[in-house]
Each structure stands twice: as structure tokens, then as C-alpha cells.
C-alpha atoms as a PDB file:
ATOM      1  CA  MET A   1      -0.025  -0.156  -0.016  1.00  0.00           C
ATOM      2  CA  ARG A   2       2.963   2.465   0.628  1.00  0.00           C
ATOM      3  CA  ARG A   3       4.105   2.039  -2.781  1.00  0.00           C
ATOM      4  CA  GLN A   4       0.773   2.783  -4.084  1.00  0.00           C
ATOM      5  CA  VAL A   5       0.585   6.001  -1.985  1.00  0.00           C
ATOM      6  CA  GLU A   6       3.981   6.990  -3.162  1.00  0.00           C
ATOM      7  CA  VAL A   7       2.947   6.532  -6.938  1.00  0.00           C
ATOM      8  CA  SER A   8      -0.236   8.243  -6.381  1.00  0.00           C
ATOM      9  CA  LEU A   9       1.466  11.326  -5.176  1.00  0.00           C
ATOM     10  CA  ARG A  10       4.244  11.657  -7.776  1.00  0.00           C
ATOM     11  CA  GLY A  11       4.148  15.206  -9.277  1.00  0.00           C
ATOM     12  CA  LEU A  12       3.161  17.053  -6.214  1.00  0.00           C
ATOM     13  CA  ASP A  13       6.028  19.279  -5.027  1.00  0.00           C
ATOM     14  CA  ILE A  14       6.199  17.488  -1.565  1.00  0.00           C
ATOM     15  CA  ASP A  15       8.856  15.738   0.302  1.00  0.00           C
ATOM     16  CA  LEU A  16       7.404  12.076   0.928  1.00  0.00           C
ATOM     17  CA  HIS A  17       8.226   9.897   3.834  1.00  0.00           C
ATOM     18  CA  ALA A  18       6.930   6.589   4.809  1.00  0.00           C
ATOM     19  CA  ALA A  19       6.689   4.558   7.833  1.00  0.00           C
ATOM     20  CA  ALA A  20       6.606   0.664   8.264  1.00  0.00           C
ATOM     21  CA  ASP A  21       4.672   0.629  11.317  1.00  0.00           C
ATOM     22  CA  GLY A  22       2.912   2.924  13.825  1.00  0.00           C
ATOM     23  CA  TYR A  23       6.083   3.358  16.001  1.00  0.00           C
ATOM     24  CA  GLU A  24       8.123   4.554  13.201  1.00  0.00           C
ATOM     25  CA  ALA A  25       5.237   6.721  12.165  1.00  0.00           C
ATOM     26  CA  VAL A  26       5.101   8.576  15.301  1.00  0.00           C
ATOM     27  CA  GLU A  27       8.710   8.981  15.479  1.00  0.00           C
ATOM     28  CA  ALA A  28       8.792  10.288  11.772  1.00  0.00           C
ATOM     29  CA  ILE A  29       5.775  12.803  12.362  1.00  0.00           C
ATOM     30  CA  SER A  30       7.432  14.173  15.607  1.00  0.00           C
ATOM     31  CA  ARG A  31      10.836  14.613  13.804  1.00  0.00           C
ATOM     32  CA  LEU A  32       9.619  15.929  10.532  1.00  0.00           C
ATOM     33  CA  ARG A  33       6.466  17.836  11.386  1.00  0.00           C
ATOM     34  CA  PRO A  34       4.576  17.189   8.110  1.00  0.00           C
ATOM     35  CA  ASP A  35       1.779  19.355   6.867  1.00  0.00           C
ATOM     36  CA  VAL A  36      -0.146  16.601   5.700  1.00  0.00           C
ATOM     37  CA  VAL A  37      -0.244  13.009   6.991  1.00  0.00           C
ATOM     38  CA  VAL A  38      -1.622  10.028   5.071  1.00  0.00           C
ATOM     39  CA  LEU A  39      -2.429   7.593   7.843  1.00  0.00           C
ATOM     40  CA  ASP A  40      -3.237   3.901   7.314  1.00  0.00           C
ATOM     41  CA  ILE A  41      -5.515   2.850  10.294  1.00  0.00           C
ATOM     42  CA  GLY A  42      -4.165  -0.857   9.598  1.00  0.00           C
ATOM     43  CA  LEU A  43      -0.496  -0.194  10.732  1.00  0.00           C
ATOM     44  CA  PRO A  44       1.248  -2.797  12.400  1.00  0.00           C
ATOM     45  CA  GLY A  45       2.624  -2.136  16.023  1.00  0.00           C
ATOM     46  CA  ILE A  46       0.314   0.699  17.190  1.00  0.00           C
ATOM     47  CA  ASP A  47      -2.474   1.292  14.873  1.00  0.00           C
ATOM     48  CA  GLY A  48      -3.331   4.382  13.022  1.00  0.00           C
ATOM     49  CA  TRP A  49      -5.951   5.543  15.620  1.00  0.00           C
ATOM     50  CA  GLU A  50      -3.164   5.555  18.120  1.00  0.00           C
ATOM     51  CA  VAL A  51      -0.810   7.308  15.893  1.00  0.00           C
ATOM     52  CA  LEU A  52      -3.525   9.980  15.187  1.00  0.00           C
ATOM     53  CA  GLU A  53      -4.138  10.398  19.198  1.00  0.00           C
ATOM     54  CA  ARG A  54      -0.597  10.898  19.733  1.00  0.00           C
ATOM     55  CA  LEU A  55      -0.083  13.352  16.943  1.00  0.00           C
ATOM     56  CA  ARG A  56      -2.982  15.424  18.020  1.00  0.00           C
ATOM     57  CA  ALA A  57      -1.850  15.171  21.721  1.00  0.00           C
ATOM     58  CA  ASP A  58       1.695  16.859  20.778  1.00  0.00           C
ATOM     59  CA  PRO A  59       1.502  20.662  20.291  1.00  0.00           C
ATOM     60  CA  GLU A  60       4.282  20.331  17.687  1.00  0.00           C
ATOM     61  CA  THR A  61       2.414  18.265  15.517  1.00  0.00           C
ATOM     62  CA  ALA A  62      -1.400  18.775  16.452  1.00  0.00           C
ATOM     63  CA  LEU A  63      -2.006  21.035  13.549  1.00  0.00           C
ATOM     64  CA  ALA A  64      -0.805  18.564  10.796  1.00  0.00           C
ATOM     65  CA  ARG A  65      -3.643  17.741   8.353  1.00  0.00           C
ATOM     66  CA  VAL A  66      -4.446  14.017   8.423  1.00  0.00           C
ATOM     67  CA  LEU A  67      -6.108  11.777   5.687  1.00  0.00           C
ATOM     68  CA  VAL A  68      -7.210   8.461   7.180  1.00  0.00           C
ATOM     69  CA  LEU A  69      -6.984   5.518   4.981  1.00  0.00           C
ATOM     70  CA  THR A  70      -8.689   2.204   5.581  1.00  0.00           C
ATOM     71  CA  ALA A  71      -9.946  -0.957   4.066  1.00  0.00           C
ATOM     72  CA  HIS A  72     -13.208  -0.718   6.372  1.00  0.00           C
ATOM     73  CA  ALA A  73     -15.911   1.196   4.288  1.00  0.00           C
ATOM     74  CA  GLU A  74     -18.442   1.015   7.379  1.00  0.00           C
ATOM     75  CA  PRO A  75     -20.309   4.292   8.267  1.00  0.00           C
ATOM     76  CA  GLU A  76     -19.097   3.727  11.769  1.00  0.00           C
ATOM     77  CA  VAL A  77     -15.395   3.692  10.669  1.00  0.00           C
ATOM     78  CA  ALA A  78     -15.914   7.111   8.793  1.00  0.00           C
ATOM     79  CA  ALA A  79     -17.541   8.297  12.055  1.00  0.00           C
ATOM     80  CA  GLN A  80     -14.746   7.345  14.028  1.00  0.00           C
ATOM     81  CA  ALA A  81     -12.193   9.180  11.889  1.00  0.00           C
ATOM     82  CA  VAL A  82     -14.200  12.311  12.202  1.00  0.00           C
ATOM     83  CA  ALA A  83     -14.295  11.812  15.922  1.00  0.00           C
ATOM     84  CA  ALA A  84     -10.694  11.317  15.955  1.00  0.00           C
ATOM     85  CA  THR A  85      -9.989  14.805  14.208  1.00  0.00           C
ATOM     86  CA  ALA A  86      -8.985  13.328  10.920  1.00  0.00           C
ATOM     87  CA  ASP A  87      -9.291  15.990   8.013  1.00  0.00           C
ATOM     88  CA  ASP A  88     -10.302  13.511   5.365  1.00  0.00           C
ATOM     89  CA  PHE A  89     -11.005   9.759   5.085  1.00  0.00           C
ATOM     90  CA  MET A  90     -10.566   7.387   2.245  1.00  0.00           C
ATOM     91  CA  THR A  91     -11.359   3.735   1.858  1.00  0.00           C
ATOM     92  CA  LYS A  92      -8.889   1.308   0.153  1.00  0.00           C
ATOM     93  CA  PRO A  93      -8.517   0.617  -2.604  1.00  0.00           C
ATOM     94  CA  PHE A  94      -8.425   4.160  -3.787  1.00  0.00           C
ATOM     95  CA  LYS A  95      -8.116   5.733  -7.084  1.00  0.00           C
ATOM     96  CA  PRO A  96      -4.652   7.549  -7.408  1.00  0.00           C
ATOM     97  CA  GLY A  97      -6.179  10.716  -8.770  1.00  0.00           C
ATOM     98  CA  VAL A  98      -8.463  11.034  -5.814  1.00  0.00           C
ATOM     99  CA  LEU A  99      -5.856  10.445  -3.381  1.00  0.00           C
ATOM    100  CA  LYS A 100      -3.701  13.337  -4.955  1.00  0.00           C
ATOM    101  CA  ALA A 101      -6.589  15.736  -5.190  1.00  0.00           C
ATOM    102  CA  SER A 102      -7.278  15.034  -1.472  1.00  0.00           C
ATOM    103  CA  VAL A 103      -3.637  15.707  -0.447  1.00  0.00           C
ATOM    104  CA  GLU A 104      -3.441  18.817  -2.718  1.00  0.00           C
ATOM    105  CA  ARG A 105      -6.705  20.172  -0.860  1.00  0.00           C
ATOM    106  CA  LEU A 106      -5.208  19.498   2.601  1.00  0.00           C
ATOM    107  CA  LEU A 107      -2.161  21.152   1.580  1.00  0.00           C
ATOM    108  CA  THR A 108      -4.120  24.384   0.919  1.00  0.00           C
ATOM    109  CA  PRO A 109      -3.675  26.814   3.792  1.00  0.00           C
ATOM    110  CA  ARG A 110      -6.693  26.858   5.996  1.00  0.00           C
END
């Protein structure tokens, strides 16, 4: 899935970093302080919900825009993403152009 995200976001003027698991994601987000995070809820280690909670709890990363990716299309999961303060929600499999457009929108200043 990481590779699909990377390929989908080619052409955007961004620095792209990927994490293999939730622990690595938390460390990278804390160190890099990205503007946008594409966060897979199904990460090994600590899941994406925990990563999002930690991101929001840290004043240094709390304002990052977050797009949640999940294989679960149930309305409850979308509601959970909104409740967890995700800025966008997308189910897998996704269309590359839709992912790219969403990230571009999230990169736009609020």
C-alpha cells in the first residue's frame, strides 16, 4: 500500500516519507513535523488510531492535516475518523487521482 500512495502522489511538490509501522510513524511525524499525513489505520505495531491520538496530543504536530486510509468502508469507521479529528477519510482500494486531489486540498492553507 505504501508504494501505491507514493506512486499516486508523484508530481506534487512535496517531500514524501513512509513508515513501516505505527511506532516509526509517530517518530517520523515528531521529527519531520509534516503539513499532511496520509495515515493507514491498519498499521502494525500501534494502529493508526493511536498514531492519530498521539499526533493530536503533541502541540508540535497537532495542526498537521490527516487523511485516514482504511480498508473498512463501514459508516461507523468514517464517523470514528471524524471523531478522532481526521481531516479526510478514504477507503482502500483508492483511485490515485482522488488521493492526489485530496492531499492537494489538504496542502492548501486553511
